[in-house]
PDB file of N, CA and C in Angstrom:
ATOM      1  N   MET A   1     216.735  53.730 162.050  1.00  0.00           N
ATOM      2  CA  MET A   1     217.333  55.072 162.643  1.00  0.00           C
ATOM      3  C   MET A   1     217.941  54.249 164.097  1.00  0.00           C
ATOM      4  N   ASN A   2     219.212  54.451 164.427  1.00  0.00           N
ATOM      5  CA  ASN A   2     219.714  53.950 165.463  1.00  0.00           C
ATOM      6  C   ASN A   2     219.414  54.984 166.768  1.00  0.00           C
ATOM      7  N   PRO A   3     219.138  54.648 168.024  1.00  0.00           N
ATOM      8  CA  PRO A   3     218.773  55.640 168.923  1.00  0.00           C
ATOM      9  C   PRO A   3     220.046  56.366 169.569  1.00  0.00           C
ATOM     10  N   THR A   4     220.017  57.468 169.957  1.00  0.00           N
ATOM     11  CA  THR A   4     221.266  58.203 170.427  1.00  0.00           C
ATOM     12  C   THR A   4     221.680  57.489 171.870  1.00  0.00           C
ATOM     13  N   SER A   5     222.921  57.634 172.217  1.00  0.00           N
ATOM     14  CA  SER A   5     223.362  57.159 173.598  1.00  0.00           C
ATOM     15  C   SER A   5     223.508  58.405 174.429  1.00  0.00           C
ATOM     16  N   VAL A   6     223.572  58.409 175.842  1.00  0.00           N
ATOM     17  CA  VAL A   6     223.604  59.378 176.512  1.00  0.00           C
ATOM     18  C   VAL A   6     225.197  60.083 176.213  1.00  0.00           C
ATOM     19  N   HIS A   7     225.973  59.287 176.101  1.00  0.00           N
ATOM     20  CA  HIS A   7     227.342  59.658 175.768  1.00  0.00           C
ATOM     21  C   HIS A   7     227.344  60.840 174.676  1.00  0.00           C
ATOM     22  N   ASP A   8     226.542  60.449 173.539  1.00  0.00           N
ATOM     23  CA  ASP A   8     226.486  61.227 172.434  1.00  0.00           C
ATOM     24  C   ASP A   8     225.559  62.538 172.484  1.00  0.00           C
ATOM     25  N   LEU A   9     224.945  62.768 173.618  1.00  0.00           N
ATOM     26  CA  LEU A   9     223.954  63.990 173.609  1.00  0.00           C
ATOM     27  C   LEU A   9     224.830  65.244 173.534  1.00  0.00           C
ATOM     28  N   GLN A  10     224.259  66.353 172.761  1.00  0.00           N
ATOM     29  CA  GLN A  10     224.903  67.607 172.689  1.00  0.00           C
ATOM     30  C   GLN A  10     223.893  68.615 172.891  1.00  0.00           C
ATOM     31  N   PRO A  11     224.055  69.674 173.536  1.00  0.00           N
ATOM     32  CA  PRO A  11     223.063  70.710 173.937  1.00  0.00           C
ATOM     33  C   PRO A  11     222.463  71.356 172.756  1.00  0.00           C
ATOM     34  N   ASN A  12     221.288  71.999 173.019  1.00  0.00           N
ATOM     35  CA  ASN A  12     220.690  72.672 172.029  1.00  0.00           C
ATOM     36  C   ASN A  12     220.207  72.112 170.740  1.00  0.00           C
ATOM     37  N   ARG A  13     219.883  70.712 170.849  1.00  0.00           N
ATOM     38  CA  ARG A  13     219.459  69.912 169.965  1.00  0.00           C
ATOM     39  C   ARG A  13     218.274  69.091 170.186  1.00  0.00           C
ATOM     40  N   THR A  14     217.560  68.679 169.110  1.00  0.00           N
ATOM     41  CA  THR A  14     216.409  67.633 169.309  1.00  0.00           C
ATOM     42  C   THR A  14     216.918  66.225 169.146  1.00  0.00           C
ATOM     43  N   ILE A  15     216.799  65.528 170.020  1.00  0.00           N
ATOM     44  CA  ILE A  15     217.392  64.125 169.962  1.00  0.00           C
ATOM     45  C   ILE A  15     216.129  63.212 169.146  1.00  0.00           C
ATOM     46  N   SER A  16     216.363  62.590 168.246  1.00  0.00           N
ATOM     47  CA  SER A  16     215.500  61.738 167.438  1.00  0.00           C
ATOM     48  C   SER A  16     215.010  60.676 168.293  1.00  0.00           C
ATOM     49  N   ALA A  17     215.677  59.905 168.894  1.00  0.00           N
ATOM     50  CA  ALA A  17     215.334  58.821 169.848  1.00  0.00           C
ATOM     51  C   ALA A  17     216.355  58.547 170.972  1.00  0.00           C
ATOM     52  N   ILE A  18     216.079  58.182 172.015  1.00  0.00           N
ATOM     53  CA  ILE A  18     216.878  57.488 173.106  1.00  0.00           C
ATOM     54  C   ILE A  18     216.275  56.461 173.846  1.00  0.00           C
ATOM     55  N   ASN A  19     217.000  55.456 174.145  1.00  0.00           N
ATOM     56  CA  ASN A  19     216.361  54.436 175.119  1.00  0.00           C
ATOM     57  C   ASN A  19     217.239  54.193 176.435  1.00  0.00           C
ATOM     58  N   GLY A  20     216.625  53.970 177.356  1.00  0.00           N
ATOM     59  CA  GLY A  20     217.297  53.568 178.715  1.00  0.00           C
ATOM     60  C   GLY A  20     216.314  53.146 179.754  1.00  0.00           C
ATOM     61  N   VAL A  21     216.820  53.027 180.938  1.00  0.00           N
ATOM     62  CA  VAL A  21     216.321  52.571 182.119  1.00  0.00           C
ATOM     63  C   VAL A  21     216.219  53.758 183.080  1.00  0.00           C
ATOM     64  N   ILE A  22     215.165  53.978 183.841  1.00  0.00           N
ATOM     65  CA  ILE A  22     214.777  54.820 184.744  1.00  0.00           C
ATOM     66  C   ILE A  22     215.689  54.493 186.039  1.00  0.00           C
ATOM     67  N   ALA A  23     216.661  55.119 186.287  1.00  0.00           N
ATOM     68  CA  ALA A  23     217.449  54.890 187.382  1.00  0.00           C
ATOM     69  C   ALA A  23     217.080  55.645 188.677  1.00  0.00           C
ATOM     70  N   ARG A  24     216.263  56.607 188.647  1.00  0.00           N
ATOM     71  CA  ARG A  24     215.754  57.457 189.644  1.00  0.00           C
ATOM     72  C   ARG A  24     214.543  58.150 189.051  1.00  0.00           C
ATOM     73  N   SER A  25     213.510  58.199 190.039  1.00  0.00           N
ATOM     74  CA  SER A  25     212.124  58.935 189.618  1.00  0.00           C
ATOM     75  C   SER A  25     211.927  59.938 191.005  1.00  0.00           C
ATOM     76  N   TYR A  26     211.990  61.250 190.656  1.00  0.00           N
ATOM     77  CA  TYR A  26     211.707  62.242 191.724  1.00  0.00           C
ATOM     78  C   TYR A  26     210.244  62.360 191.837  1.00  0.00           C
ATOM     79  N   PRO A  27     209.785  62.759 193.090  1.00  0.00           N
ATOM     80  CA  PRO A  27     208.341  63.028 193.440  1.00  0.00           C
ATOM     81  C   PRO A  27     207.792  63.893 192.387  1.00  0.00           C
ATOM     82  N   ILE A  28     206.409  63.648 192.009  1.00  0.00           N
ATOM     83  CA  ILE A  28     205.763  64.398 191.004  1.00  0.00           C
ATOM     84  C   ILE A  28     204.946  65.644 191.593  1.00  0.00           C
ATOM     85  N   SER A  29     205.110  66.662 190.768  1.00  0.00           N
ATOM     86  CA  SER A  29     204.433  67.769 191.190  1.00  0.00           C
ATOM     87  C   SER A  29     203.624  68.531 190.098  1.00  0.00           C
ATOM     88  N   MET A  30     202.910  69.686 190.136  1.00  0.00           N
ATOM     89  CA  MET A  30     202.216  70.223 189.244  1.00  0.00           C
ATOM     90  C   MET A  30     202.686  71.681 188.952  1.00  0.00           C
ATOM     91  N   LYS A  31     202.855  71.795 187.549  1.00  0.00           N
ATOM     92  CA  LYS A  31     203.211  73.123 187.255  1.00  0.00           C
ATOM     93  C   LYS A  31     202.465  73.927 186.238  1.00  0.00           C
ATOM     94  N   TYR A  32     202.481  75.235 186.217  1.00  0.00           N
ATOM     95  CA  TYR A  32     201.360  75.727 185.381  1.00  0.00           C
ATOM     96  C   TYR A  32     202.217  76.255 184.046  1.00  0.00           C
ATOM     97  N   ALA A  33     201.892  75.613 183.078  1.00  0.00           N
ATOM     98  CA  ALA A  33     202.184  75.941 181.517  1.00  0.00           C
ATOM     99  C   ALA A  33     201.188  75.895 180.634  1.00  0.00           C
ATOM    100  N   ARG A  34     201.586  76.691 179.485  1.00  0.00           N
ATOM    101  CA  ARG A  34     200.440  76.689 178.358  1.00  0.00           C
ATOM    102  C   ARG A  34     199.171  76.884 178.930  1.00  0.00           C
ATOM    103  N   GLY A  35     198.895  77.645 179.852  1.00  0.00           N
ATOM    104  CA  GLY A  35     197.444  78.121 180.361  1.00  0.00           C
ATOM    105  C   GLY A  35     196.862  77.070 181.080  1.00  0.00           C
ATOM    106  N   ARG A  36     197.457  75.913 181.477  1.00  0.00           N
ATOM    107  CA  ARG A  36     196.732  75.025 182.417  1.00  0.00           C
ATOM    108  C   ARG A  36     197.945  74.332 183.296  1.00  0.00           C
ATOM    109  N   TRP A  37     197.461  73.545 184.274  1.00  0.00           N
ATOM    110  CA  TRP A  37     198.111  72.796 185.117  1.00  0.00           C
ATOM    111  C   TRP A  37     198.632  71.484 184.523  1.00  0.00           C
ATOM    112  N   LEU A  38     199.952  71.208 184.836  1.00  0.00           N
ATOM    113  CA  LEU A  38     200.328  69.872 184.249  1.00  0.00           C
ATOM    114  C   LEU A  38     201.301  69.041 185.096  1.00  0.00           C
ATOM    115  N   HIS A  39     201.058  67.808 185.072  1.00  0.00           N
ATOM    116  CA  HIS A  39     201.915  66.961 185.965  1.00  0.00           C
ATOM    117  C   HIS A  39     203.413  66.971 185.375  1.00  0.00           C
ATOM    118  N   PHE A  40     204.165  67.258 186.462  1.00  0.00           N
ATOM    119  CA  PHE A  40     205.396  67.241 186.274  1.00  0.00           C
ATOM    120  C   PHE A  40     206.560  66.407 186.821  1.00  0.00           C
ATOM    121  N   ARG A  41     207.538  65.649 186.280  1.00  0.00           N
ATOM    122  CA  ARG A  41     208.353  64.803 187.122  1.00  0.00           C
ATOM    123  C   ARG A  41     209.746  64.825 186.278  1.00  0.00           C
ATOM    124  N   GLN A  42     210.887  64.946 187.123  1.00  0.00           N
ATOM    125  CA  GLN A  42     212.030  64.483 186.723  1.00  0.00           C
ATOM    126  C   GLN A  42     212.569  62.992 187.025  1.00  0.00           C
ATOM    127  N   ILE A  43     213.215  62.554 185.893  1.00  0.00           N
ATOM    128  CA  ILE A  43     213.830  61.239 186.237  1.00  0.00           C
ATOM    129  C   ILE A  43     215.073  61.113 185.659  1.00  0.00           C
ATOM    130  N   VAL A  44     215.840  60.084 186.177  1.00  0.00           N
ATOM    131  CA  VAL A  44     217.165  60.034 185.712  1.00  0.00           C
ATOM    132  C   VAL A  44     217.336  58.798 184.807  1.00  0.00           C
ATOM    133  N   LEU A  45     217.371  59.015 183.442  1.00  0.00           N
ATOM    134  CA  LEU A  45     217.409  57.892 182.418  1.00  0.00           C
ATOM    135  C   LEU A  45     218.907  57.493 182.249  1.00  0.00           C
ATOM    136  N   GLU A  46     219.266  56.110 182.465  1.00  0.00           N
ATOM    137  CA  GLU A  46     220.482  55.659 182.293  1.00  0.00           C
ATOM    138  C   GLU A  46     220.525  54.590 181.351  1.00  0.00           C
ATOM    139  N   ASP A  47     221.704  54.515 180.595  1.00  0.00           N
ATOM    140  CA  ASP A  47     222.026  53.659 179.397  1.00  0.00           C
ATOM    141  C   ASP A  47     223.501  53.328 179.780  1.00  0.00           C
ATOM    142  N   ALA A  48     223.981  52.369 179.087  1.00  0.00           N
ATOM    143  CA  ALA A  48     225.612  51.723 179.247  1.00  0.00           C
ATOM    144  C   ALA A  48     226.479  52.958 179.030  1.00  0.00           C
ATOM    145  N   SER A  49     226.249  54.101 178.578  1.00  0.00           N
ATOM    146  CA  SER A  49     227.164  55.025 178.445  1.00  0.00           C
ATOM    147  C   SER A  49     227.329  56.241 179.431  1.00  0.00           C
ATOM    148  N   GLY A  50     226.107  56.199 180.368  1.00  0.00           N
ATOM    149  CA  GLY A  50     226.065  57.155 181.294  1.00  0.00           C
ATOM    150  C   GLY A  50     224.523  57.389 181.786  1.00  0.00           C
ATOM    151  N   TRP A  51     224.255  58.785 182.237  1.00  0.00           N
ATOM    152  CA  TRP A  51     222.946  59.029 182.658  1.00  0.00           C
ATOM    153  C   TRP A  51     222.650  60.510 182.428  1.00  0.00           C
ATOM    154  N   VAL A  52     221.265  60.778 182.424  1.00  0.00           N
ATOM    155  CA  VAL A  52     221.134  62.195 181.993  1.00  0.00           C
ATOM    156  C   VAL A  52     219.568  62.345 182.769  1.00  0.00           C
ATOM    157  N   LEU A  53     219.376  63.604 183.245  1.00  0.00           N
ATOM    158  CA  LEU A  53     218.050  64.096 183.867  1.00  0.00           C
ATOM    159  C   LEU A  53     217.151  64.315 182.762  1.00  0.00           C
ATOM    160  N   VAL A  54     215.871  64.042 182.848  1.00  0.00           N
ATOM    161  CA  VAL A  54     214.775  64.124 181.951  1.00  0.00           C
ATOM    162  C   VAL A  54     213.692  64.690 182.620  1.00  0.00           C
ATOM    163  N   ASN A  55     213.001  65.738 181.937  1.00  0.00           N
ATOM    164  CA  ASN A  55     211.788  66.373 182.500  1.00  0.00           C
ATOM    165  C   ASN A  55     210.728  65.983 181.830  1.00  0.00           C
ATOM    166  N   VAL A  56     209.753  65.303 182.330  1.00  0.00           N
ATOM    167  CA  VAL A  56     208.595  64.613 181.813  1.00  0.00           C
ATOM    168  C   VAL A  56     207.212  65.578 182.142  1.00  0.00           C
ATOM    169  N   TRP A  57     206.598  65.994 181.187  1.00  0.00           N
ATOM    170  CA  TRP A  57     205.513  66.448 181.455  1.00  0.00           C
ATOM    171  C   TRP A  57     204.193  65.802 181.086  1.00  0.00           C
ATOM    172  N   GLY A  58     202.952  66.006 181.638  1.00  0.00           N
ATOM    173  CA  GLY A  58     201.952  65.517 181.196  1.00  0.00           C
ATOM    174  C   GLY A  58     201.382  64.341 182.041  1.00  0.00           C
ATOM    175  N   GLN A  59     200.366  63.505 181.746  1.00  0.00           N
ATOM    176  CA  GLN A  59     199.796  62.341 182.423  1.00  0.00           C
ATOM    177  C   GLN A  59     201.010  61.109 182.536  1.00  0.00           C
ATOM    178  N   VAL A  60     201.812  61.042 181.448  1.00  0.00           N
ATOM    179  CA  VAL A  60     202.571  59.865 181.567  1.00  0.00           C
ATOM    180  C   VAL A  60     203.687  60.090 182.671  1.00  0.00           C
ATOM    181  N   ALA A  61     203.767  61.067 183.345  1.00  0.00           N
ATOM    182  CA  ALA A  61     204.621  61.425 184.551  1.00  0.00           C
ATOM    183  C   ALA A  61     204.067  60.745 185.679  1.00  0.00           C
ATOM    184  N   THR A  62     202.866  60.464 185.635  1.00  0.00           N
ATOM    185  CA  THR A  62     202.296  59.518 186.890  1.00  0.00           C
ATOM    186  C   THR A  62     202.352  58.096 186.826  1.00  0.00           C
ATOM    187  N   GLU A  63     202.979  57.682 185.538  1.00  0.00           N
ATOM    188  CA  GLU A  63     203.140  56.391 185.163  1.00  0.00           C
ATOM    189  C   GLU A  63     204.617  55.712 185.280  1.00  0.00           C
ATOM    190  N   LEU A  64     205.458  56.675 185.576  1.00  0.00           N
ATOM    191  CA  LEU A  64     206.740  56.228 185.476  1.00  0.00           C
ATOM    192  C   LEU A  64     207.327  55.849 186.801  1.00  0.00           C
ATOM    193  N   LEU A  65     207.940  54.473 186.780  1.00  0.00           N
ATOM    194  CA  LEU A  65     208.604  53.868 188.176  1.00  0.00           C
ATOM    195  C   LEU A  65     210.098  53.549 187.929  1.00  0.00           C
ATOM    196  N   ARG A  66     210.863  53.373 188.771  1.00  0.00           N
ATOM    197  CA  ARG A  66     212.225  53.091 188.833  1.00  0.00           C
ATOM    198  C   ARG A  66     212.390  51.578 188.242  1.00  0.00           C
ATOM    199  N   GLY A  67     213.476  51.497 187.270  1.00  0.00           N
ATOM    200  CA  GLY A  67     213.615  50.362 186.820  1.00  0.00           C
ATOM    201  C   GLY A  67     212.938  50.041 185.476  1.00  0.00           C
ATOM    202  N   GLN A  68     211.827  50.710 184.915  1.00  0.00           N
ATOM    203  CA  GLN A  68     211.197  50.725 183.886  1.00  0.00           C
ATOM    204  C   GLN A  68     212.133  51.062 182.928  1.00  0.00           C
ATOM    205  N   LYS A  69     212.203  50.404 181.495  1.00  0.00           N
ATOM    206  CA  LYS A  69     212.801  50.582 180.241  1.00  0.00           C
ATOM    207  C   LYS A  69     211.873  51.460 179.436  1.00  0.00           C
ATOM    208  N   ILE A  70     212.550  52.590 178.885  1.00  0.00           N
ATOM    209  CA  ILE A  70     211.582  53.615 178.199  1.00  0.00           C
ATOM    210  C   ILE A  70     212.137  53.929 176.946  1.00  0.00           C
ATOM    211  N   HIS A  71     211.456  54.303 176.015  1.00  0.00           N
ATOM    212  CA  HIS A  71     211.990  54.828 174.743  1.00  0.00           C
ATOM    213  C   HIS A  71     211.348  56.077 174.390  1.00  0.00           C
ATOM    214  N   ILE A  72     212.277  57.204 174.241  1.00  0.00           N
ATOM    215  CA  ILE A  72     211.830  58.490 173.972  1.00  0.00           C
ATOM    216  C   ILE A  72     211.954  58.964 172.587  1.00  0.00           C
ATOM    217  N   LYS A  73     211.116  59.786 171.807  1.00  0.00           N
ATOM    218  CA  LYS A  73     211.437  60.423 170.776  1.00  0.00           C
ATOM    219  C   LYS A  73     211.032  61.700 170.491  1.00  0.00           C
ATOM    220  N   LYS A  74     212.154  62.636 170.002  1.00  0.00           N
ATOM    221  CA  LYS A  74     211.873  64.008 169.808  1.00  0.00           C
ATOM    222  C   LYS A  74     211.902  64.774 171.190  1.00  0.00           C
ATOM    223  N   ALA A  75     213.114  64.321 172.005  1.00  0.00           N
ATOM    224  CA  ALA A  75     213.137  65.205 173.181  1.00  0.00           C
ATOM    225  C   ALA A  75     214.341  66.237 172.829  1.00  0.00           C
ATOM    226  N   TYR A  76     214.229  67.315 173.660  1.00  0.00           N
ATOM    227  CA  TYR A  76     215.082  68.657 173.313  1.00  0.00           C
ATOM    228  C   TYR A  76     216.168  68.407 174.472  1.00  0.00           C
ATOM    229  N   CYS A  77     217.394  68.398 173.952  1.00  0.00           N
ATOM    230  CA  CYS A  77     218.621  68.445 174.867  1.00  0.00           C
ATOM    231  C   CYS A  77     219.018  69.852 175.173  1.00  0.00           C
ATOM    232  N   PHE A  78     219.424  70.261 176.695  1.00  0.00           N
ATOM    233  CA  PHE A  78     219.838  71.643 176.881  1.00  0.00           C
ATOM    234  C   PHE A  78     220.635  71.492 178.093  1.00  0.00           C
ATOM    235  N   HIS A  79     221.535  72.574 178.433  1.00  0.00           N
ATOM    236  CA  HIS A  79     222.203  72.682 179.590  1.00  0.00           C
ATOM    237  C   HIS A  79     221.384  73.106 180.784  1.00  0.00           C
ATOM    238  N   GLN A  80     221.461  72.769 181.893  1.00  0.00           N
ATOM    239  CA  GLN A  80     220.705  73.091 183.106  1.00  0.00           C
ATOM    240  C   GLN A  80     221.689  72.823 184.221  1.00  0.00           C
ATOM    241  N   ASN A  81     222.027  73.901 184.989  1.00  0.00           N
ATOM    242  CA  ASN A  81     222.816  74.031 186.276  1.00  0.00           C
ATOM    243  C   ASN A  81     224.112  73.171 185.928  1.00  0.00           C
ATOM    244  N   GLY A  82     224.872  73.519 184.702  1.00  0.00           N
ATOM    245  CA  GLY A  82     225.998  72.707 184.212  1.00  0.00           C
ATOM    246  C   GLY A  82     225.780  71.461 183.654  1.00  0.00           C
ATOM    247  N   ALA A  83     224.850  70.887 183.795  1.00  0.00           N
ATOM    248  CA  ALA A  83     224.651  69.577 183.283  1.00  0.00           C
ATOM    249  C   ALA A  83     223.661  69.567 181.987  1.00  0.00           C
ATOM    250  N   LEU A  84     223.659  68.379 181.139  1.00  0.00           N
ATOM    251  CA  LEU A  84     222.949  68.065 180.140  1.00  0.00           C
ATOM    252  C   LEU A  84     221.559  67.648 180.768  1.00  0.00           C
ATOM    253  N   CYS A  85     220.356  68.142 180.205  1.00  0.00           N
ATOM    254  CA  CYS A  85     219.200  67.739 180.529  1.00  0.00           C
ATOM    255  C   CYS A  85     218.169  67.368 179.296  1.00  0.00           C
ATOM    256  N   LEU A  86     217.376  66.612 179.473  1.00  0.00           N
ATOM    257  CA  LEU A  86     216.337  66.456 178.342  1.00  0.00           C
ATOM    258  C   LEU A  86     215.020  66.917 178.708  1.00  0.00           C
ATOM    259  N   THR A  87     214.350  67.380 177.913  1.00  0.00           N
ATOM    260  CA  THR A  87     212.906  67.735 178.271  1.00  0.00           C
ATOM    261  C   THR A  87     211.939  67.230 177.103  1.00  0.00           C
ATOM    262  N   LEU A  88     210.615  66.716 177.431  1.00  0.00           N
ATOM    263  CA  LEU A  88     209.808  66.284 176.591  1.00  0.00           C
ATOM    264  C   LEU A  88     208.911  67.740 176.258  1.00  0.00           C
ATOM    265  N   SER A  89     208.674  67.857 174.793  1.00  0.00           N
ATOM    266  CA  SER A  89     207.833  68.745 174.231  1.00  0.00           C
ATOM    267  C   SER A  89     206.475  68.321 173.852  1.00  0.00           C
ATOM    268  N   ILE A  90     205.535  69.155 173.363  1.00  0.00           N
ATOM    269  CA  ILE A  90     204.202  68.755 173.083  1.00  0.00           C
ATOM    270  C   ILE A  90     204.403  67.693 171.931  1.00  0.00           C
ATOM    271  N   HIS A  91     205.531  67.658 171.023  1.00  0.00           N
ATOM    272  CA  HIS A  91     205.697  66.840 169.929  1.00  0.00           C
ATOM    273  C   HIS A  91     206.500  65.437 170.370  1.00  0.00           C
ATOM    274  N   SER A  92     207.025  65.425 171.523  1.00  0.00           N
ATOM    275  CA  SER A  92     207.687  64.324 171.981  1.00  0.00           C
ATOM    276  C   SER A  92     206.891  63.235 172.409  1.00  0.00           C
ATOM    277  N   ARG A  93     207.384  62.061 172.328  1.00  0.00           N
ATOM    278  CA  ARG A  93     206.717  60.883 172.679  1.00  0.00           C
ATOM    279  C   ARG A  93     207.564  59.848 173.587  1.00  0.00           C
ATOM    280  N   LEU A  94     207.096  59.348 174.764  1.00  0.00           N
ATOM    281  CA  LEU A  94     207.534  58.382 175.576  1.00  0.00           C
ATOM    282  C   LEU A  94     206.795  57.164 175.789  1.00  0.00           C
ATOM    283  N   LYS A  95     207.675  56.024 175.432  1.00  0.00           N
ATOM    284  CA  LYS A  95     206.964  54.748 175.466  1.00  0.00           C
ATOM    285  C   LYS A  95     207.616  53.773 176.461  1.00  0.00           C
ATOM    286  N   ILE A  96     206.668  53.317 177.369  1.00  0.00           N
ATOM    287  CA  ILE A  96     207.169  52.309 178.619  1.00  0.00           C
ATOM    288  C   ILE A  96     207.314  51.025 177.798  1.00  0.00           C
ATOM    289  N   CYS A  97     208.332  50.434 177.984  1.00  0.00           N
ATOM    290  CA  CYS A  97     208.863  49.246 177.035  1.00  0.00           C
ATOM    291  C   CYS A  97     208.751  47.995 178.198  1.00  0.00           C
ATOM    292  N   THR A  98     208.874  48.120 179.152  1.00  0.00           N
ATOM    293  CA  THR A  98     208.957  47.081 180.296  1.00  0.00           C
ATOM    294  C   THR A  98     208.313  47.539 181.735  1.00  0.00           C
ATOM    295  N   GLN A  99     207.729  46.937 182.475  1.00  0.00           N
ATOM    296  CA  GLN A  99     207.243  47.348 183.763  1.00  0.00           C
ATOM    297  C   GLN A  99     208.432  46.989 184.760  1.00  0.00           C
ATOM    298  N   ALA A 100     208.215  47.781 185.830  1.00  0.00           N
ATOM    299  CA  ALA A 100     209.403  47.479 186.901  1.00  0.00           C
ATOM    300  C   ALA A 100     209.033  46.284 187.679  1.00  0.00           C
TER     301      ALA A 100
END
């Protein structure tokens, strides 16, 4: 299965896989969801075709740094403030492929 590129993203769909480099990592925060407090961070994922904002939930949000290459499986794509955005669900997987 070939990963999806940022250029091919469409809203209201689950993306099977996408690869990219973290171009920007915003400060981490805590959000209350599913009856507990979770780490939350937004990152900008970039590939050769463009960039997209990604909402990262859970412990992995504390491990992300600018310049890391990552692989995401089963992320959900949607519109937020007029732009496409990906979010990780409970079934999503984020793998850090290289260290910054």
